Amino acid sequence: MEQTNTSAPPVIATVAIDEFKSSIRGTVLFAGDVEYDLKRQVWNGMIDKHPALSGG
């Protein structure tokens, strides 16, 4: 089976986002938010993931 790599972000239901926000302390960042790229970075520079949501 061949995998395809698309640049389209996954669609997440609003209710799932609201549940996620209420289950954590802190800020939830989306891919378009100003701090998103800064917060998604990890110590190992070889890992470059782009989560749909990020807790900050």
PDB file of N, CA and C in Angstrom:
ATOM      1  N   MET A   1       0.844  -1.183   0.000  1.00  0.00           N
ATOM      2  CA  MET A   1       0.000   0.000   0.000  1.00  0.00           C
ATOM      3  C   MET A   1       0.886   1.241   0.000  1.00  0.00           C
ATOM      4  N   GLU A   2       0.624   2.148  -0.890  1.00  0.00           N
ATOM      5  CA  GLU A   2       1.409   3.366  -1.000  1.00  0.00           C
ATOM      6  C   GLU A   2       0.807   4.457  -0.128  1.00  0.00           C
ATOM      7  N   GLN A   3       1.669   5.155   0.603  1.00  0.00           N
ATOM      8  CA  GLN A   3       1.216   6.263   1.424  1.00  0.00           C
ATOM      9  C   GLN A   3       1.399   7.557   0.645  1.00  0.00           C
ATOM     10  N   THR A   4       0.453   8.447   0.816  1.00  0.00           N
ATOM     11  CA  THR A   4       0.588   9.757   0.189  1.00  0.00           C
ATOM     12  C   THR A   4       0.806  10.790   1.279  1.00  0.00           C
ATOM     13  N   ASN A   5       1.564  11.787   0.972  1.00  0.00           N
ATOM     14  CA  ASN A   5       1.848  12.852   1.914  1.00  0.00           C
ATOM     15  C   ASN A   5       1.148  14.111   1.418  1.00  0.00           C
ATOM     16  N   THR A   6       0.157  14.564   2.159  1.00  0.00           N
ATOM     17  CA  THR A   6      -0.547  15.780   1.768  1.00  0.00           C
ATOM     18  C   THR A   6      -0.223  16.882   2.759  1.00  0.00           C
ATOM     19  N   SER A   7      -0.307  18.097   2.316  1.00  0.00           N
ATOM     20  CA  SER A   7      -0.032  19.218   3.203  1.00  0.00           C
ATOM     21  C   SER A   7      -1.304  19.740   3.865  1.00  0.00           C
ATOM     22  N   ALA A   8      -2.437  19.168   3.537  1.00  0.00           N
ATOM     23  CA  ALA A   8      -3.699  19.615   4.125  1.00  0.00           C
ATOM     24  C   ALA A   8      -3.771  19.179   5.591  1.00  0.00           C
ATOM     25  N   PRO A   9      -4.062  20.115   6.487  1.00  0.00           N
ATOM     26  CA  PRO A   9      -4.169  19.750   7.901  1.00  0.00           C
ATOM     27  C   PRO A   9      -5.402  18.890   8.147  1.00  0.00           C
ATOM     28  N   PRO A  10      -5.344  18.047   9.166  1.00  0.00           N
ATOM     29  CA  PRO A  10      -6.517  17.226   9.475  1.00  0.00           C
ATOM     30  C   PRO A  10      -7.664  18.098   9.977  1.00  0.00           C
ATOM     31  N   VAL A  11      -8.872  17.657   9.731  1.00  0.00           N
ATOM     32  CA  VAL A  11     -10.044  18.375  10.214  1.00  0.00           C
ATOM     33  C   VAL A  11     -10.426  17.785  11.567  1.00  0.00           C
ATOM     34  N   ILE A  12     -10.528  18.635  12.563  1.00  0.00           N
ATOM     35  CA  ILE A  12     -10.878  18.197  13.913  1.00  0.00           C
ATOM     36  C   ILE A  12     -12.196  18.841  14.291  1.00  0.00           C
ATOM     37  N   ALA A  13     -13.120  18.040  14.777  1.00  0.00           N
ATOM     38  CA  ALA A  13     -14.436  18.546  15.162  1.00  0.00           C
ATOM     39  C   ALA A  13     -14.313  19.560  16.301  1.00  0.00           C
ATOM     40  N   THR A  14     -15.114  20.602  16.248  1.00  0.00           N
ATOM     41  CA  THR A  14     -15.094  21.650  17.269  1.00  0.00           C
ATOM     42  C   THR A  14     -15.318  21.081  18.653  1.00  0.00           C
ATOM     43  N   VAL A  15     -16.201  20.109  18.779  1.00  0.00           N
ATOM     44  CA  VAL A  15     -16.475  19.521  20.091  1.00  0.00           C
ATOM     45  C   VAL A  15     -15.227  18.809  20.626  1.00  0.00           C
ATOM     46  N   ALA A  16     -14.452  18.162  19.766  1.00  0.00           N
ATOM     47  CA  ALA A  16     -13.223  17.494  20.198  1.00  0.00           C
ATOM     48  C   ALA A  16     -12.194  18.522  20.664  1.00  0.00           C
ATOM     49  N   ILE A  17     -12.112  19.651  19.974  1.00  0.00           N
ATOM     50  CA  ILE A  17     -11.193  20.715  20.375  1.00  0.00           C
ATOM     51  C   ILE A  17     -11.602  21.277  21.732  1.00  0.00           C
ATOM     52  N   ASP A  18     -12.885  21.520  21.914  1.00  0.00           N
ATOM     53  CA  ASP A  18     -13.372  22.050  23.191  1.00  0.00           C
ATOM     54  C   ASP A  18     -13.096  21.072  24.336  1.00  0.00           C
ATOM     55  N   GLU A  19     -13.286  19.772  24.093  1.00  0.00           N
ATOM     56  CA  GLU A  19     -12.999  18.767  25.118  1.00  0.00           C
ATOM     57  C   GLU A  19     -11.509  18.747  25.449  1.00  0.00           C
ATOM     58  N   PHE A  20     -10.672  18.850  24.428  1.00  0.00           N
ATOM     59  CA  PHE A  20      -9.225  18.879  24.636  1.00  0.00           C
ATOM     60  C   PHE A  20      -8.835  20.094  25.473  1.00  0.00           C
ATOM     61  N   LYS A  21      -9.359  21.262  25.118  1.00  0.00           N
ATOM     62  CA  LYS A  21      -9.049  22.489  25.848  1.00  0.00           C
ATOM     63  C   LYS A  21      -9.450  22.393  27.313  1.00  0.00           C
ATOM     64  N   SER A  22     -10.602  21.791  27.579  1.00  0.00           N
ATOM     65  CA  SER A  22     -11.084  21.713  28.962  1.00  0.00           C
ATOM     66  C   SER A  22     -10.349  20.651  29.773  1.00  0.00           C
ATOM     67  N   SER A  23      -9.614  19.758  29.100  1.00  0.00           N
ATOM     68  CA  SER A  23      -8.940  18.676  29.820  1.00  0.00           C
ATOM     69  C   SER A  23      -7.490  19.004  30.197  1.00  0.00           C
ATOM     70  N   ILE A  24      -6.971  20.135  29.741  1.00  0.00           N
ATOM     71  CA  ILE A  24      -5.589  20.492  30.051  1.00  0.00           C
ATOM     72  C   ILE A  24      -5.514  21.882  30.662  1.00  0.00           C
ATOM     73  N   ARG A  25      -4.386  22.141  31.315  1.00  0.00           N
ATOM     74  CA  ARG A  25      -4.112  23.503  31.783  1.00  0.00           C
ATOM     75  C   ARG A  25      -3.176  24.134  30.764  1.00  0.00           C
ATOM     76  N   GLY A  26      -3.344  25.377  30.510  1.00  0.00           N
ATOM     77  CA  GLY A  26      -2.475  26.050  29.566  1.00  0.00           C
ATOM     78  C   GLY A  26      -3.216  26.463  28.315  1.00  0.00           C
ATOM     79  N   THR A  27      -2.451  26.831  27.323  1.00  0.00           N
ATOM     80  CA  THR A  27      -2.983  27.356  26.079  1.00  0.00           C
ATOM     81  C   THR A  27      -2.974  26.283  24.997  1.00  0.00           C
ATOM     82  N   VAL A  28      -4.002  26.253  24.177  1.00  0.00           N
ATOM     83  CA  VAL A  28      -4.044  25.366  23.021  1.00  0.00           C
ATOM     84  C   VAL A  28      -3.750  26.215  21.793  1.00  0.00           C
ATOM     85  N   LEU A  29      -2.730  25.803  21.051  1.00  0.00           N
ATOM     86  CA  LEU A  29      -2.327  26.550  19.865  1.00  0.00           C
ATOM     87  C   LEU A  29      -2.702  25.788  18.607  1.00  0.00           C
ATOM     88  N   PHE A  30      -3.087  26.510  17.583  1.00  0.00           N
ATOM     89  CA  PHE A  30      -3.417  25.938  16.288  1.00  0.00           C
ATOM     90  C   PHE A  30      -2.306  26.272  15.303  1.00  0.00           C
ATOM     91  N   ALA A  31      -2.246  25.559  14.201  1.00  0.00           N
ATOM     92  CA  ALA A  31      -1.179  25.729  13.217  1.00  0.00           C
ATOM     93  C   ALA A  31      -1.037  27.179  12.732  1.00  0.00           C
ATOM     94  N   GLY A  32      -2.069  27.953  12.707  1.00  0.00           N
ATOM     95  CA  GLY A  32      -1.985  29.330  12.243  1.00  0.00           C
ATOM     96  C   GLY A  32      -1.640  30.343  13.317  1.00  0.00           C
ATOM     97  N   ASP A  33      -1.544  29.915  14.572  1.00  0.00           N
ATOM     98  CA  ASP A  33      -1.259  30.830  15.672  1.00  0.00           C
ATOM     99  C   ASP A  33       0.193  31.302  15.639  1.00  0.00           C
ATOM    100  N   VAL A  34       0.424  32.509  16.122  1.00  0.00           N
ATOM    101  CA  VAL A  34       1.740  33.136  16.087  1.00  0.00           C
ATOM    102  C   VAL A  34       2.798  32.285  16.794  1.00  0.00           C
ATOM    103  N   GLU A  35       2.506  31.727  17.954  1.00  0.00           N
ATOM    104  CA  GLU A  35       3.480  30.978  18.744  1.00  0.00           C
ATOM    105  C   GLU A  35       3.593  29.507  18.349  1.00  0.00           C
ATOM    106  N   TYR A  36       2.783  29.044  17.429  1.00  0.00           N
ATOM    107  CA  TYR A  36       2.725  27.620  17.092  1.00  0.00           C
ATOM    108  C   TYR A  36       4.092  27.032  16.735  1.00  0.00           C
ATOM    109  N   ASP A  37       4.810  27.637  15.793  1.00  0.00           N
ATOM    110  CA  ASP A  37       6.101  27.100  15.364  1.00  0.00           C
ATOM    111  C   ASP A  37       7.122  27.081  16.495  1.00  0.00           C
ATOM    112  N   LEU A  38       7.118  28.099  17.325  1.00  0.00           N
ATOM    113  CA  LEU A  38       8.045  28.147  18.452  1.00  0.00           C
ATOM    114  C   LEU A  38       7.747  27.030  19.453  1.00  0.00           C
ATOM    115  N   LYS A  39       6.491  26.819  19.765  1.00  0.00           N
ATOM    116  CA  LYS A  39       6.104  25.842  20.776  1.00  0.00           C
ATOM    117  C   LYS A  39       6.197  24.398  20.292  1.00  0.00           C
ATOM    118  N   ARG A  40       6.066  24.141  18.991  1.00  0.00           N
ATOM    119  CA  ARG A  40       6.085  22.766  18.497  1.00  0.00           C
ATOM    120  C   ARG A  40       7.494  22.207  18.358  1.00  0.00           C
ATOM    121  N   GLN A  41       8.502  23.062  18.425  1.00  0.00           N
ATOM    122  CA  GLN A  41       9.878  22.607  18.273  1.00  0.00           C
ATOM    123  C   GLN A  41      10.295  21.750  19.462  1.00  0.00           C
ATOM    124  N   VAL A  42      11.106  20.768  19.182  1.00  0.00           N
ATOM    125  CA  VAL A  42      11.629  19.891  20.220  1.00  0.00           C
ATOM    126  C   VAL A  42      13.152  19.967  20.217  1.00  0.00           C
ATOM    127  N   TRP A  43      13.768  19.409  21.234  1.00  0.00           N
ATOM    128  CA  TRP A  43      15.209  19.463  21.373  1.00  0.00           C
ATOM    129  C   TRP A  43      15.922  18.799  20.202  1.00  0.00           C
ATOM    130  N   ASN A  44      15.419  17.665  19.752  1.00  0.00           N
ATOM    131  CA  ASN A  44      16.041  16.936  18.652  1.00  0.00           C
ATOM    132  C   ASN A  44      15.614  17.575  17.331  1.00  0.00           C
ATOM    133  N   GLY A  45      16.507  18.298  16.690  1.00  0.00           N
ATOM    134  CA  GLY A  45      16.197  19.015  15.465  1.00  0.00           C
ATOM    135  C   GLY A  45      15.875  18.124  14.280  1.00  0.00           C
ATOM    136  N   MET A  46      16.141  16.814  14.392  1.00  0.00           N
ATOM    137  CA  MET A  46      15.824  15.901  13.290  1.00  0.00           C
ATOM    138  C   MET A  46      14.340  15.544  13.280  1.00  0.00           C
ATOM    139  N   ILE A  47      13.639  15.916  14.338  1.00  0.00           N
ATOM    140  CA  ILE A  47      12.205  15.653  14.413  1.00  0.00           C
ATOM    141  C   ILE A  47      11.491  16.956  14.088  1.00  0.00           C
ATOM    142  N   ASP A  48      10.697  16.948  13.046  1.00  0.00           N
ATOM    143  CA  ASP A  48       9.979  18.148  12.629  1.00  0.00           C
ATOM    144  C   ASP A  48       8.537  17.787  12.374  1.00  0.00           C
ATOM    145  N   LYS A  49       7.763  17.705  13.424  1.00  0.00           N
ATOM    146  CA  LYS A  49       6.357  17.333  13.336  1.00  0.00           C
ATOM    147  C   LYS A  49       5.491  18.570  13.367  1.00  0.00           C
ATOM    148  N   HIS A  50       4.310  18.465  12.774  1.00  0.00           N
ATOM    149  CA  HIS A  50       3.352  19.563  12.736  1.00  0.00           C
ATOM    150  C   HIS A  50       2.001  19.072  13.267  1.00  0.00           C
ATOM    151  N   PRO A  51       1.836  19.037  14.602  1.00  0.00           N
ATOM    152  CA  PRO A  51       0.558  18.572  15.145  1.00  0.00           C
ATOM    153  C   PRO A  51      -0.583  19.527  14.805  1.00  0.00           C
ATOM    154  N   ALA A  52      -1.774  18.981  14.744  1.00  0.00           N
ATOM    155  CA  ALA A  52      -2.940  19.829  14.465  1.00  0.00           C
ATOM    156  C   ALA A  52      -3.196  20.799  15.606  1.00  0.00           C
ATOM    157  N   LEU A  53      -2.939  20.360  16.832  1.00  0.00           N
ATOM    158  CA  LEU A  53      -3.072  21.194  18.024  1.00  0.00           C
ATOM    159  C   LEU A  53      -1.815  21.030  18.852  1.00  0.00           C
ATOM    160  N   SER A  54      -1.508  22.047  19.616  1.00  0.00           N
ATOM    161  CA  SER A  54      -0.342  21.970  20.497  1.00  0.00           C
ATOM    162  C   SER A  54      -0.674  22.655  21.799  1.00  0.00           C
ATOM    163  N   GLY A  55      -0.370  22.025  22.904  1.00  0.00           N
ATOM    164  CA  GLY A  55      -0.542  22.646  24.212  1.00  0.00           C
ATOM    165  C   GLY A  55       0.679  23.486  24.516  1.00  0.00           C
ATOM    166  N   GLY A  56       0.462  24.688  24.984  1.00  0.00           N
ATOM    167  CA  GLY A  56       1.589  25.571  25.238  1.00  0.00           C
ATOM    168  C   GLY A  56       1.668  26.032  26.655  1.00  0.00           C
TER     169      GLY A  56
END
